[in-house]
Amino acid sequence: MSNKGKNGKLKSESLMIGGTEQWIHYNDSRLHEPLILFLHGGPGVVQVPMLTRYCQSLYEHFLLVHWDQRGAGRSYHFLDKTDLTVQILVNDGIELSRVLCQKFNKRKVILLGHSWGTALGVLMCKVAPGLFHKYIGIGQVGNWLKGEHISYHFTCDQAIRRKKSVALKLLEKIGPPPYKNIVELLIQRTLLIRFGGGMYSGKSALNMIPEYVLWGKSSFLRIPQVTAGSWYSTASLWEQCLAIDLNLLAPELQVPVCFITGRHDYQIPFACAEEYFHNLVAPEKSWYWFENSAHTPFIEETEKFNKLIVNEILSDKIHFL
């Protein structure tokens, strides 16, 4: 089942992965280029609108596939909600990668993950390294719970420095992580973004709303579906996310890796990414700082990001086809 997307020239298509309908979105005008599978963040936050606005250069150079993970975006089904686990999503990602290789006649896949998607991507590489040419992580996860503590204390420090007494009282009321519920997490994240730890350039998640509206205008159900899927995925997976420490779960990978990190990222704090990068054993490792970004370098330093990805892959293009 497929249809041409109205936002740009993407093709949207459903596949049966892990016994359930899951959606992908890709540029079918670049079928002969290297295949990149984009693993969105969240959990549950699909990022097609962000990619189509900020990463057009990647769509011009590669066969870029965005996967709406089980329980997210168009892969969220209101009346058919199965239990979500990290292992199920890892299995889905590996199965999808195999399907994409067969579908597009590719030997291997290049993984590009953001935020939560970096944990998923690393675990996929750990389980099935032979499927992947390269792994690229943006806002890389390391020790998730340790990162949440860093994020919380940064937000408190910023509230004190900026003399935001109401914000500080809210943070003191919810206390440090692990939070009791998703609402407390959202309070901390909202304040974090306001203080520049999520998007350093001064933008906020609210800037993305028009992109989602435009992307979803072909279906009146799209926006509620995206919103419900994001809430469901986060609520289902958050406790499992806090248990992720890649230093222990994936200390060694048999795949070349590249980490792209915002100097001001306190959403998935850069210190934890640095720690994991230092500890990680891999055939090749590369690290790139984005000095004017927090958690979203592909939005905050778009031109630099796109050039980096193109150079990282096209420099060795013959091996990626």
C-alpha atoms as a PDB file:
ATOM      1  CA  MET A   1       0.000   0.000   0.000  1.00  0.00           C
ATOM      2  CA  SER A   2       1.520   3.323  -0.999  1.00  0.00           C
ATOM      3  CA  ASN A   3       0.777   6.893  -1.965  1.00  0.00           C
ATOM      4  CA  LYS A   4       2.698   9.926  -3.119  1.00  0.00           C
ATOM      5  CA  GLY A   5       3.195  12.365  -0.282  1.00  0.00           C
ATOM      6  CA  LYS A   6       1.829  15.836  -0.835  1.00  0.00           C
ATOM      7  CA  ASN A   7       4.686  17.424   1.083  1.00  0.00           C
ATOM      8  CA  GLY A   8       7.544  17.361  -1.419  1.00  0.00           C
ATOM      9  CA  LYS A   9       8.072  14.299  -3.582  1.00  0.00           C
ATOM     10  CA  LEU A  10       8.248  11.631  -0.920  1.00  0.00           C
ATOM     11  CA  LYS A  11       6.582   8.293  -1.379  1.00  0.00           C
ATOM     12  CA  SER A  12       4.794   6.862   1.663  1.00  0.00           C
ATOM     13  CA  GLU A  13       4.390   3.106   1.857  1.00  0.00           C
ATOM     14  CA  SER A  14       3.251   0.565   4.422  1.00  0.00           C
ATOM     15  CA  LEU A  15       5.119  -2.693   5.020  1.00  0.00           C
ATOM     16  CA  MET A  16       4.395  -5.663   7.246  1.00  0.00           C
ATOM     17  CA  ILE A  17       7.214  -5.640   9.789  1.00  0.00           C
ATOM     18  CA  GLY A  18       7.121  -7.775  12.910  1.00  0.00           C
ATOM     19  CA  GLY A  19       3.590  -8.856  12.065  1.00  0.00           C
ATOM     20  CA  THR A  20       2.157  -5.327  11.996  1.00  0.00           C
ATOM     21  CA  GLU A  21       1.707  -2.528   9.453  1.00  0.00           C
ATOM     22  CA  GLN A  22       4.545   0.002   9.633  1.00  0.00           C
ATOM     23  CA  TRP A  23       5.157   3.011   7.400  1.00  0.00           C
ATOM     24  CA  ILE A  24       8.190   4.339   5.574  1.00  0.00           C
ATOM     25  CA  HIS A  25       8.638   7.591   3.628  1.00  0.00           C
ATOM     26  CA  TYR A  26      11.348   7.969   0.989  1.00  0.00           C
ATOM     27  CA  ASN A  27      12.429   9.768  -2.186  1.00  0.00           C
ATOM     28  CA  ASP A  28      11.867   7.281  -4.969  1.00  0.00           C
ATOM     29  CA  SER A  29      13.771   9.470  -7.458  1.00  0.00           C
ATOM     30  CA  ARG A  30      17.074   8.376  -5.833  1.00  0.00           C
ATOM     31  CA  LEU A  31      16.709   4.606  -5.823  1.00  0.00           C
ATOM     32  CA  HIS A  32      20.240   4.063  -7.141  1.00  0.00           C
ATOM     33  CA  GLU A  33      21.955   6.142  -4.456  1.00  0.00           C
ATOM     34  CA  PRO A  34      23.284   4.900  -1.075  1.00  0.00           C
ATOM     35  CA  LEU A  35      20.483   3.906   1.304  1.00  0.00           C
ATOM     36  CA  ILE A  36      20.138   5.767   4.607  1.00  0.00           C
ATOM     37  CA  LEU A  37      17.609   4.588   7.185  1.00  0.00           C
ATOM     38  CA  PHE A  38      16.674   7.435   9.533  1.00  0.00           C
ATOM     39  CA  LEU A  39      15.744   6.424  13.099  1.00  0.00           C
ATOM     40  CA  HIS A  40      13.625   9.152  14.662  1.00  0.00           C
ATOM     41  CA  GLY A  41      13.772  10.283  18.263  1.00  0.00           C
ATOM     42  CA  GLY A  42      11.230  10.459  21.019  1.00  0.00           C
ATOM     43  CA  PRO A  43      10.435   7.650  21.592  1.00  0.00           C
ATOM     44  CA  GLY A  44       7.563   8.142  19.191  1.00  0.00           C
ATOM     45  CA  VAL A  45       8.431  11.524  17.638  1.00  0.00           C
ATOM     46  CA  VAL A  46       8.327  11.103  13.867  1.00  0.00           C
ATOM     47  CA  GLN A  47      10.503  13.639  12.043  1.00  0.00           C
ATOM     48  CA  VAL A  48       9.497  13.580   8.368  1.00  0.00           C
ATOM     49  CA  PRO A  49       8.510  17.288   8.421  1.00  0.00           C
ATOM     50  CA  MET A  50      11.880  18.259   9.912  1.00  0.00           C
ATOM     51  CA  LEU A  51      13.838  16.219   7.366  1.00  0.00           C
ATOM     52  CA  THR A  52      11.912  17.529   4.376  1.00  0.00           C
ATOM     53  CA  ARG A  53      12.439  21.128   5.499  1.00  0.00           C
ATOM     54  CA  TYR A  54      16.015  21.049   6.800  1.00  0.00           C
ATOM     55  CA  CYS A  55      17.667  18.098   5.037  1.00  0.00           C
ATOM     56  CA  GLN A  56      16.730  18.552   1.387  1.00  0.00           C
ATOM     57  CA  SER A  57      20.380  18.144   0.431  1.00  0.00           C
ATOM     58  CA  LEU A  58      20.315  14.603   1.805  1.00  0.00           C
ATOM     59  CA  TYR A  59      17.248  13.775  -0.268  1.00  0.00           C
ATOM     60  CA  GLU A  60      19.150  14.977  -3.338  1.00  0.00           C
ATOM     61  CA  HIS A  61      22.196  12.781  -2.690  1.00  0.00           C
ATOM     62  CA  PHE A  62      20.785   9.641  -1.076  1.00  0.00           C
ATOM     63  CA  LEU A  63      17.878   7.257  -0.897  1.00  0.00           C
ATOM     64  CA  LEU A  64      16.774   8.515   2.519  1.00  0.00           C
ATOM     65  CA  VAL A  65      14.118   6.412   4.259  1.00  0.00           C
ATOM     66  CA  HIS A  66      12.261   7.672   7.326  1.00  0.00           C
ATOM     67  CA  TRP A  67      10.695   4.859   9.331  1.00  0.00           C
ATOM     68  CA  ASP A  68       7.648   5.548  11.502  1.00  0.00           C
ATOM     69  CA  GLN A  69       8.571   3.112  14.259  1.00  0.00           C
ATOM     70  CA  ARG A  70       5.972   0.741  15.731  1.00  0.00           C
ATOM     71  CA  GLY A  71       3.575   2.862  17.802  1.00  0.00           C
ATOM     72  CA  ALA A  72       4.630   6.168  16.188  1.00  0.00           C
ATOM     73  CA  GLY A  73       3.286   8.362  13.394  1.00  0.00           C
ATOM     74  CA  ARG A  74       1.374   6.399  10.790  1.00  0.00           C
ATOM     75  CA  SER A  75       2.551   3.177  12.425  1.00  0.00           C
ATOM     76  CA  TYR A  76       0.443   4.031  15.479  1.00  0.00           C
ATOM     77  CA  HIS A  77      -2.962   2.333  15.373  1.00  0.00           C
ATOM     78  CA  PHE A  78      -5.634   3.692  17.694  1.00  0.00           C
ATOM     79  CA  LEU A  79      -7.487   0.401  18.091  1.00  0.00           C
ATOM     80  CA  ASP A  80      -4.565  -2.018  17.876  1.00  0.00           C
ATOM     81  CA  LYS A  81      -1.944  -1.074  20.462  1.00  0.00           C
ATOM     82  CA  THR A  82       0.498  -3.858  21.252  1.00  0.00           C
ATOM     83  CA  ASP A  83       3.016  -3.738  24.075  1.00  0.00           C
ATOM     84  CA  LEU A  84       6.161  -1.810  23.180  1.00  0.00           C
ATOM     85  CA  THR A  85       9.602  -2.900  24.291  1.00  0.00           C
ATOM     86  CA  VAL A  86      13.079  -1.825  23.272  1.00  0.00           C
ATOM     87  CA  GLN A  87      13.797  -5.357  22.066  1.00  0.00           C
ATOM     88  CA  ILE A  88      10.710  -5.421  19.835  1.00  0.00           C
ATOM     89  CA  LEU A  89      11.796  -2.160  18.178  1.00  0.00           C
ATOM     90  CA  VAL A  90      15.348  -3.438  17.721  1.00  0.00           C
ATOM     91  CA  ASN A  91      13.938  -6.559  16.057  1.00  0.00           C
ATOM     92  CA  ASP A  92      11.649  -4.413  13.885  1.00  0.00           C
ATOM     93  CA  GLY A  93      14.572  -2.240  12.795  1.00  0.00           C
ATOM     94  CA  ILE A  94      16.683  -5.222  11.818  1.00  0.00           C
ATOM     95  CA  GLU A  95      13.826  -6.843   9.917  1.00  0.00           C
ATOM     96  CA  LEU A  96      13.060  -3.563   8.147  1.00  0.00           C
ATOM     97  CA  SER A  97      16.725  -3.148   7.179  1.00  0.00           C
ATOM     98  CA  ARG A  98      16.703  -6.581   5.560  1.00  0.00           C
ATOM     99  CA  VAL A  99      13.454  -5.799   3.738  1.00  0.00           C
ATOM    100  CA  LEU A 100      14.865  -2.494   2.465  1.00  0.00           C
ATOM    101  CA  CYS A 101      18.034  -4.159   1.194  1.00  0.00           C
ATOM    102  CA  GLN A 102      15.948  -6.639  -0.777  1.00  0.00           C
ATOM    103  CA  LYS A 103      13.434  -4.043  -1.936  1.00  0.00           C
ATOM    104  CA  PHE A 104      16.028  -1.574  -3.192  1.00  0.00           C
ATOM    105  CA  ASN A 105      18.716  -4.080  -4.192  1.00  0.00           C
ATOM    106  CA  LYS A 106      21.308  -2.846  -1.662  1.00  0.00           C
ATOM    107  CA  ARG A 107      23.995  -4.822   0.119  1.00  0.00           C
ATOM    108  CA  LYS A 108      23.817  -2.877   3.377  1.00  0.00           C
ATOM    109  CA  VAL A 109      22.192   0.114   5.073  1.00  0.00           C
ATOM    110  CA  ILE A 110      23.641   3.314   6.519  1.00  0.00           C
ATOM    111  CA  LEU A 111      21.952   4.093   9.852  1.00  0.00           C
ATOM    112  CA  LEU A 112      21.306   7.720  10.845  1.00  0.00           C
ATOM    113  CA  GLY A 113      19.760   8.059  14.311  1.00  0.00           C
ATOM    114  CA  HIS A 114      18.657  11.043  16.380  1.00  0.00           C
ATOM    115  CA  SER A 115      18.181  11.078  20.170  1.00  0.00           C
ATOM    116  CA  TRP A 116      16.205   7.950  21.162  1.00  0.00           C
ATOM    117  CA  GLY A 117      16.978   6.696  17.651  1.00  0.00           C
ATOM    118  CA  THR A 118      20.687   6.594  18.564  1.00  0.00           C
ATOM    119  CA  ALA A 119      20.049   4.003  21.268  1.00  0.00           C
ATOM    120  CA  LEU A 120      17.968   1.980  18.827  1.00  0.00           C
ATOM    121  CA  GLY A 121      20.623   2.287  16.127  1.00  0.00           C
ATOM    122  CA  VAL A 122      23.505   1.183  18.338  1.00  0.00           C
ATOM    123  CA  LEU A 123      21.556  -1.843  19.567  1.00  0.00           C
ATOM    124  CA  MET A 124      20.649  -2.762  15.979  1.00  0.00           C
ATOM    125  CA  CYS A 125      24.336  -2.616  15.024  1.00  0.00           C
ATOM    126  CA  LYS A 126      25.238  -4.717  18.038  1.00  0.00           C
ATOM    127  CA  VAL A 127      22.815  -7.483  17.073  1.00  0.00           C
ATOM    128  CA  ALA A 128      23.279  -7.489  13.284  1.00  0.00           C
ATOM    129  CA  PRO A 129      26.513  -5.681  12.331  1.00  0.00           C
ATOM    130  CA  GLY A 130      26.652  -7.341   8.911  1.00  0.00           C
ATOM    131  CA  LEU A 131      23.609  -5.347   7.790  1.00  0.00           C
ATOM    132  CA  PHE A 132      25.154  -1.911   8.209  1.00  0.00           C
ATOM    133  CA  HIS A 133      27.855   0.030   6.386  1.00  0.00           C
ATOM    134  CA  LYS A 134      28.061   2.809   8.955  1.00  0.00           C
ATOM    135  CA  TYR A 135      26.290   4.200  11.988  1.00  0.00           C
ATOM    136  CA  ILE A 136      25.816   7.968  12.482  1.00  0.00           C
ATOM    137  CA  GLY A 137      24.379   9.229  15.779  1.00  0.00           C
ATOM    138  CA  ILE A 138      23.009  12.755  16.341  1.00  0.00           C
ATOM    139  CA  GLY A 139      22.555  13.613  20.012  1.00  0.00           C
ATOM    140  CA  GLN A 140      23.985  10.258  20.999  1.00  0.00           C
ATOM    141  CA  VAL A 141      22.645   8.371  24.019  1.00  0.00           C
ATOM    142  CA  GLY A 142      25.150   6.915  26.493  1.00  0.00           C
ATOM    143  CA  ASN A 143      24.042   6.286  30.067  1.00  0.00           C
ATOM    144  CA  TRP A 144      20.437   7.485  29.834  1.00  0.00           C
ATOM    145  CA  LEU A 145      19.611   7.884  33.528  1.00  0.00           C
ATOM    146  CA  LYS A 146      22.894   9.676  34.218  1.00  0.00           C
ATOM    147  CA  GLY A 147      22.024  12.028  31.359  1.00  0.00           C
ATOM    148  CA  GLU A 148      18.611  12.763  32.854  1.00  0.00           C
ATOM    149  CA  HIS A 149      20.256  13.843  36.119  1.00  0.00           C
ATOM    150  CA  ILE A 150      22.649  16.136  34.242  1.00  0.00           C
ATOM    151  CA  SER A 151      19.719  17.566  32.278  1.00  0.00           C
ATOM    152  CA  TYR A 152      17.661  18.206  35.409  1.00  0.00           C
ATOM    153  CA  HIS A 153      20.459  19.957  37.297  1.00  0.00           C
ATOM    154  CA  PHE A 154      21.345  22.087  34.263  1.00  0.00           C
ATOM    155  CA  THR A 155      17.728  23.228  34.072  1.00  0.00           C
ATOM    156  CA  CYS A 156      17.699  24.084  37.793  1.00  0.00           C
ATOM    157  CA  ASP A 157      20.972  25.997  37.479  1.00  0.00           C
ATOM    158  CA  GLN A 158      19.604  27.971  34.542  1.00  0.00           C
ATOM    159  CA  ALA A 159      16.431  28.822  36.464  1.00  0.00           C
ATOM    160  CA  ILE A 160      18.565  30.183  39.303  1.00  0.00           C
ATOM    161  CA  ARG A 161      20.900  32.111  36.999  1.00  0.00           C
ATOM    162  CA  ARG A 162      17.992  33.651  35.062  1.00  0.00           C
ATOM    163  CA  LYS A 163      16.054  34.342  38.285  1.00  0.00           C
ATOM    164  CA  LYS A 164      13.065  32.307  37.131  1.00  0.00           C
ATOM    165  CA  SER A 165      11.587  31.543  40.532  1.00  0.00           C
ATOM    166  CA  VAL A 166       8.384  29.932  39.240  1.00  0.00           C
ATOM    167  CA  ALA A 167      10.386  27.568  37.024  1.00  0.00           C
ATOM    168  CA  LEU A 168      12.681  26.684  39.914  1.00  0.00           C
ATOM    169  CA  LYS A 169       9.713  25.927  42.181  1.00  0.00           C
ATOM    170  CA  LEU A 170       8.251  23.638  39.516  1.00  0.00           C
ATOM    171  CA  LEU A 171      11.545  21.789  39.180  1.00  0.00           C
ATOM    172  CA  GLU A 172      11.940  21.459  42.937  1.00  0.00           C
ATOM    173  CA  LYS A 173       8.381  20.155  43.177  1.00  0.00           C
ATOM    174  CA  ILE A 174       8.906  17.355  40.632  1.00  0.00           C
ATOM    175  CA  GLY A 175      12.383  16.606  41.984  1.00  0.00           C
ATOM    176  CA  PRO A 176      15.248  14.862  40.162  1.00  0.00           C
ATOM    177  CA  PRO A 177      14.700  11.862  37.892  1.00  0.00           C
ATOM    178  CA  PRO A 178      13.384   9.273  37.582  1.00  0.00           C
ATOM    179  CA  TYR A 179      10.162  11.248  37.268  1.00  0.00           C
ATOM    180  CA  LYS A 180       6.899   9.846  38.584  1.00  0.00           C
ATOM    181  CA  ASN A 181       5.045  10.297  35.292  1.00  0.00           C
ATOM    182  CA  ILE A 182       5.322  11.665  31.760  1.00  0.00           C
ATOM    183  CA  VAL A 183       3.801  15.009  32.762  1.00  0.00           C
ATOM    184  CA  GLU A 184       6.781  15.682  35.040  1.00  0.00           C
ATOM    185  CA  LEU A 185       9.136  14.779  32.211  1.00  0.00           C
ATOM    186  CA  LEU A 186       7.334  17.229  29.925  1.00  0.00           C
ATOM    187  CA  ILE A 187       7.622  20.001  32.520  1.00  0.00           C
ATOM    188  CA  GLN A 188      11.376  19.508  32.755  1.00  0.00           C
ATOM    189  CA  ARG A 189      11.791  19.278  28.970  1.00  0.00           C
ATOM    190  CA  THR A 190       9.709  22.416  28.371  1.00  0.00           C
ATOM    191  CA  LEU A 191      11.858  24.426  30.767  1.00  0.00           C
ATOM    192  CA  LEU A 192      15.051  22.881  29.384  1.00  0.00           C
ATOM    193  CA  ILE A 193      14.151  24.031  25.860  1.00  0.00           C
ATOM    194  CA  ARG A 194      13.240  27.495  27.151  1.00  0.00           C
ATOM    195  CA  PHE A 195      16.704  27.750  28.719  1.00  0.00           C
ATOM    196  CA  GLY A 196      18.576  26.681  25.568  1.00  0.00           C
ATOM    197  CA  GLY A 197      19.438  23.099  26.453  1.00  0.00           C
ATOM    198  CA  GLY A 198      17.212  21.609  23.771  1.00  0.00           C
ATOM    199  CA  MET A 199      17.538  24.140  20.954  1.00  0.00           C
ATOM    200  CA  TYR A 200      20.366  26.585  21.545  1.00  0.00           C
ATOM    201  CA  SER A 201      19.404  28.971  18.739  1.00  0.00           C
ATOM    202  CA  GLY A 202      16.282  30.145  20.546  1.00  0.00           C
ATOM    203  CA  LYS A 203      13.862  28.060  18.536  1.00  0.00           C
ATOM    204  CA  SER A 204      11.490  25.740  20.334  1.00  0.00           C
ATOM    205  CA  ALA A 205       9.392  22.726  19.521  1.00  0.00           C
ATOM    206  CA  LEU A 206       6.541  25.146  18.782  1.00  0.00           C
ATOM    207  CA  ASN A 207       8.429  26.242  15.655  1.00  0.00           C
ATOM    208  CA  MET A 208       7.875  22.755  14.264  1.00  0.00           C
ATOM    209  CA  ILE A 209       4.075  22.770  14.546  1.00  0.00           C
ATOM    210  CA  PRO A 210       3.464  24.352  11.098  1.00  0.00           C
ATOM    211  CA  GLU A 211       5.637  21.677   9.513  1.00  0.00           C
ATOM    212  CA  TYR A 212       3.529  18.916  11.038  1.00  0.00           C
ATOM    213  CA  VAL A 213       0.304  20.662  10.037  1.00  0.00           C
ATOM    214  CA  LEU A 214       1.457  20.944   6.430  1.00  0.00           C
ATOM    215  CA  TRP A 215       2.680  17.351   6.424  1.00  0.00           C
ATOM    216  CA  GLY A 216      -0.608  16.115   7.840  1.00  0.00           C
ATOM    217  CA  LYS A 217      -3.024  18.127   5.720  1.00  0.00           C
ATOM    218  CA  SER A 218      -3.667  15.142   3.432  1.00  0.00           C
ATOM    219  CA  SER A 219      -5.448  13.415   6.317  1.00  0.00           C
ATOM    220  CA  PHE A 220      -7.474  15.004   9.120  1.00  0.00           C
ATOM    221  CA  LEU A 221      -6.394  12.107  11.355  1.00  0.00           C
ATOM    222  CA  ARG A 222      -2.658  12.655  10.892  1.00  0.00           C
ATOM    223  CA  ILE A 223      -2.026  15.238  13.621  1.00  0.00           C
ATOM    224  CA  PRO A 224      -4.049  13.394  16.309  1.00  0.00           C
ATOM    225  CA  GLN A 225      -2.375  10.164  15.215  1.00  0.00           C
ATOM    226  CA  VAL A 226       1.122  11.659  15.502  1.00  0.00           C
ATOM    227  CA  THR A 227       0.325  13.196  18.888  1.00  0.00           C
ATOM    228  CA  ALA A 228      -1.282  10.056  20.300  1.00  0.00           C
ATOM    229  CA  GLY A 229       1.562   7.882  19.007  1.00  0.00           C
ATOM    230  CA  SER A 230       4.178  10.104  20.609  1.00  0.00           C
ATOM    231  CA  TRP A 231       2.441  10.014  23.985  1.00  0.00           C
ATOM    232  CA  TYR A 232       1.833   6.260  23.806  1.00  0.00           C
ATOM    233  CA  SER A 233       5.412   5.451  22.780  1.00  0.00           C
ATOM    234  CA  THR A 234       6.995   7.643  25.443  1.00  0.00           C
ATOM    235  CA  ALA A 235       4.712   6.340  28.194  1.00  0.00           C
ATOM    236  CA  SER A 236       5.340   2.726  27.146  1.00  0.00           C
ATOM    237  CA  LEU A 237       9.115   2.937  26.725  1.00  0.00           C
ATOM    238  CA  TRP A 238      10.351   5.616  29.113  1.00  0.00           C
ATOM    239  CA  GLU A 239      11.121   3.340  32.054  1.00  0.00           C
ATOM    240  CA  GLN A 240      12.996   1.028  29.693  1.00  0.00           C
ATOM    241  CA  CYS A 241      14.908   3.985  28.251  1.00  0.00           C
ATOM    242  CA  LEU A 242      16.153   4.918  31.711  1.00  0.00           C
ATOM    243  CA  ALA A 243      17.679   1.443  32.017  1.00  0.00           C
ATOM    244  CA  ILE A 244      19.777   1.894  28.857  1.00  0.00           C
ATOM    245  CA  ASP A 245      23.505   2.293  29.423  1.00  0.00           C
ATOM    246  CA  LEU A 246      25.289   1.671  26.135  1.00  0.00           C
ATOM    247  CA  ASN A 247      28.634   1.572  27.922  1.00  0.00           C
ATOM    248  CA  LEU A 248      27.438  -1.772  29.300  1.00  0.00           C
ATOM    249  CA  LEU A 249      25.042  -2.932  26.588  1.00  0.00           C
ATOM    250  CA  ALA A 250      27.222  -2.193  23.555  1.00  0.00           C
ATOM    251  CA  PRO A 251      30.841  -1.563  24.584  1.00  0.00           C
ATOM    252  CA  GLU A 252      32.028  -2.801  21.180  1.00  0.00           C
ATOM    253  CA  LEU A 253      30.570  -2.492  17.676  1.00  0.00           C
ATOM    254  CA  GLN A 254      31.741  -4.074  14.448  1.00  0.00           C
ATOM    255  CA  VAL A 255      30.499  -1.078  12.441  1.00  0.00           C
ATOM    256  CA  PRO A 256      32.231   2.294  11.775  1.00  0.00           C
ATOM    257  CA  VAL A 257      30.599   5.035  13.858  1.00  0.00           C
ATOM    258  CA  CYS A 258      30.252   8.800  13.670  1.00  0.00           C
ATOM    259  CA  PHE A 259      28.856  10.983  16.465  1.00  0.00           C
ATOM    260  CA  ILE A 260      27.429  14.466  15.767  1.00  0.00           C
ATOM    261  CA  THR A 261      27.041  16.468  18.962  1.00  0.00           C
ATOM    262  CA  GLY A 262      25.717  19.910  19.850  1.00  0.00           C
ATOM    263  CA  ARG A 263      28.044  21.751  22.201  1.00  0.00           C
ATOM    264  CA  HIS A 264      25.028  22.912  24.248  1.00  0.00           C
ATOM    265  CA  ASP A 265      23.006  19.683  24.274  1.00  0.00           C
ATOM    266  CA  TYR A 266      21.523  19.047  27.703  1.00  0.00           C
ATOM    267  CA  GLN A 267      18.510  17.062  26.474  1.00  0.00           C
ATOM    268  CA  ILE A 268      20.656  14.006  25.806  1.00  0.00           C
ATOM    269  CA  PRO A 269      23.706  15.569  27.456  1.00  0.00           C
ATOM    270  CA  PHE A 270      26.912  15.719  25.455  1.00  0.00           C
ATOM    271  CA  ALA A 271      28.944  14.572  28.465  1.00  0.00           C
ATOM    272  CA  CYS A 272      27.331  11.127  28.297  1.00  0.00           C
ATOM    273  CA  ALA A 273      27.941  10.918  24.557  1.00  0.00           C
ATOM    274  CA  GLU A 274      31.603  11.817  25.143  1.00  0.00           C
ATOM    275  CA  GLU A 275      31.907   9.125  27.792  1.00  0.00           C
ATOM    276  CA  TYR A 276      30.416   6.475  25.519  1.00  0.00           C
ATOM    277  CA  PHE A 277      32.536   7.559  22.544  1.00  0.00           C
ATOM    278  CA  HIS A 278      35.684   7.300  24.657  1.00  0.00           C
ATOM    279  CA  ASN A 279      34.756   3.819  25.910  1.00  0.00           C
ATOM    280  CA  LEU A 280      33.435   2.432  22.624  1.00  0.00           C
ATOM    281  CA  VAL A 281      35.555  -0.004  20.631  1.00  0.00           C
ATOM    282  CA  ALA A 282      34.796   0.193  16.887  1.00  0.00           C
ATOM    283  CA  PRO A 283      36.655  -0.251  13.566  1.00  0.00           C
ATOM    284  CA  GLU A 284      36.487   3.520  12.978  1.00  0.00           C
ATOM    285  CA  LYS A 285      35.266   6.358  15.182  1.00  0.00           C
ATOM    286  CA  SER A 286      34.725  10.010  14.283  1.00  0.00           C
ATOM    287  CA  TRP A 287      33.347  12.881  16.365  1.00  0.00           C
ATOM    288  CA  TYR A 288      32.020  16.264  15.227  1.00  0.00           C
ATOM    289  CA  TRP A 289      31.109  19.200  17.467  1.00  0.00           C
ATOM    290  CA  PHE A 290      28.406  21.642  16.411  1.00  0.00           C
ATOM    291  CA  GLU A 291      29.299  24.763  18.370  1.00  0.00           C
ATOM    292  CA  ASN A 292      26.016  26.630  17.870  1.00  0.00           C
ATOM    293  CA  SER A 293      23.625  23.741  18.471  1.00  0.00           C
ATOM    294  CA  ALA A 294      22.035  21.879  21.339  1.00  0.00           C
ATOM    295  CA  HIS A 295      20.047  18.717  20.606  1.00  0.00           C
ATOM    296  CA  THR A 296      19.131  19.388  16.956  1.00  0.00           C
ATOM    297  CA  PRO A 297      22.210  20.242  14.826  1.00  0.00           C
ATOM    298  CA  PHE A 298      20.327  19.374  11.638  1.00  0.00           C
ATOM    299  CA  ILE A 299      17.889  22.213  12.416  1.00  0.00           C
ATOM    300  CA  GLU A 300      20.226  24.708  14.090  1.00  0.00           C
ATOM    301  CA  GLU A 301      23.255  24.400  11.784  1.00  0.00           C
ATOM    302  CA  THR A 302      21.578  23.013   8.696  1.00  0.00           C
ATOM    303  CA  GLU A 303      24.164  23.764   6.038  1.00  0.00           C
ATOM    304  CA  LYS A 304      27.074  22.443   8.096  1.00  0.00           C
ATOM    305  CA  PHE A 305      25.113  19.307   9.003  1.00  0.00           C
ATOM    306  CA  ASN A 306      24.091  18.461   5.447  1.00  0.00           C
ATOM    307  CA  LYS A 307      27.612  18.999   4.115  1.00  0.00           C
ATOM    308  CA  LEU A 308      29.045  16.778   6.836  1.00  0.00           C
ATOM    309  CA  ILE A 309      26.677  13.893   6.116  1.00  0.00           C
ATOM    310  CA  VAL A 310      27.266  14.145   2.378  1.00  0.00           C
ATOM    311  CA  ASN A 311      31.048  14.197   2.840  1.00  0.00           C
ATOM    312  CA  GLU A 312      31.014  11.358   5.400  1.00  0.00           C
ATOM    313  CA  ILE A 313      29.192   9.068   2.974  1.00  0.00           C
ATOM    314  CA  LEU A 314      30.115  10.191  -0.531  1.00  0.00           C
ATOM    315  CA  SER A 315      33.816  10.077   0.295  1.00  0.00           C
ATOM    316  CA  ASP A 316      33.429   6.306   0.352  1.00  0.00           C
ATOM    317  CA  LYS A 317      30.360   6.039  -1.863  1.00  0.00           C
ATOM    318  CA  ILE A 318      31.488   3.040  -3.888  1.00  0.00           C
ATOM    319  CA  HIS A 319      31.232   0.852  -0.797  1.00  0.00           C
ATOM    320  CA  PHE A 320      27.711   2.010   0.059  1.00  0.00           C
ATOM    321  CA  LEU A 321      25.905   1.026  -3.142  1.00  0.00           C
END
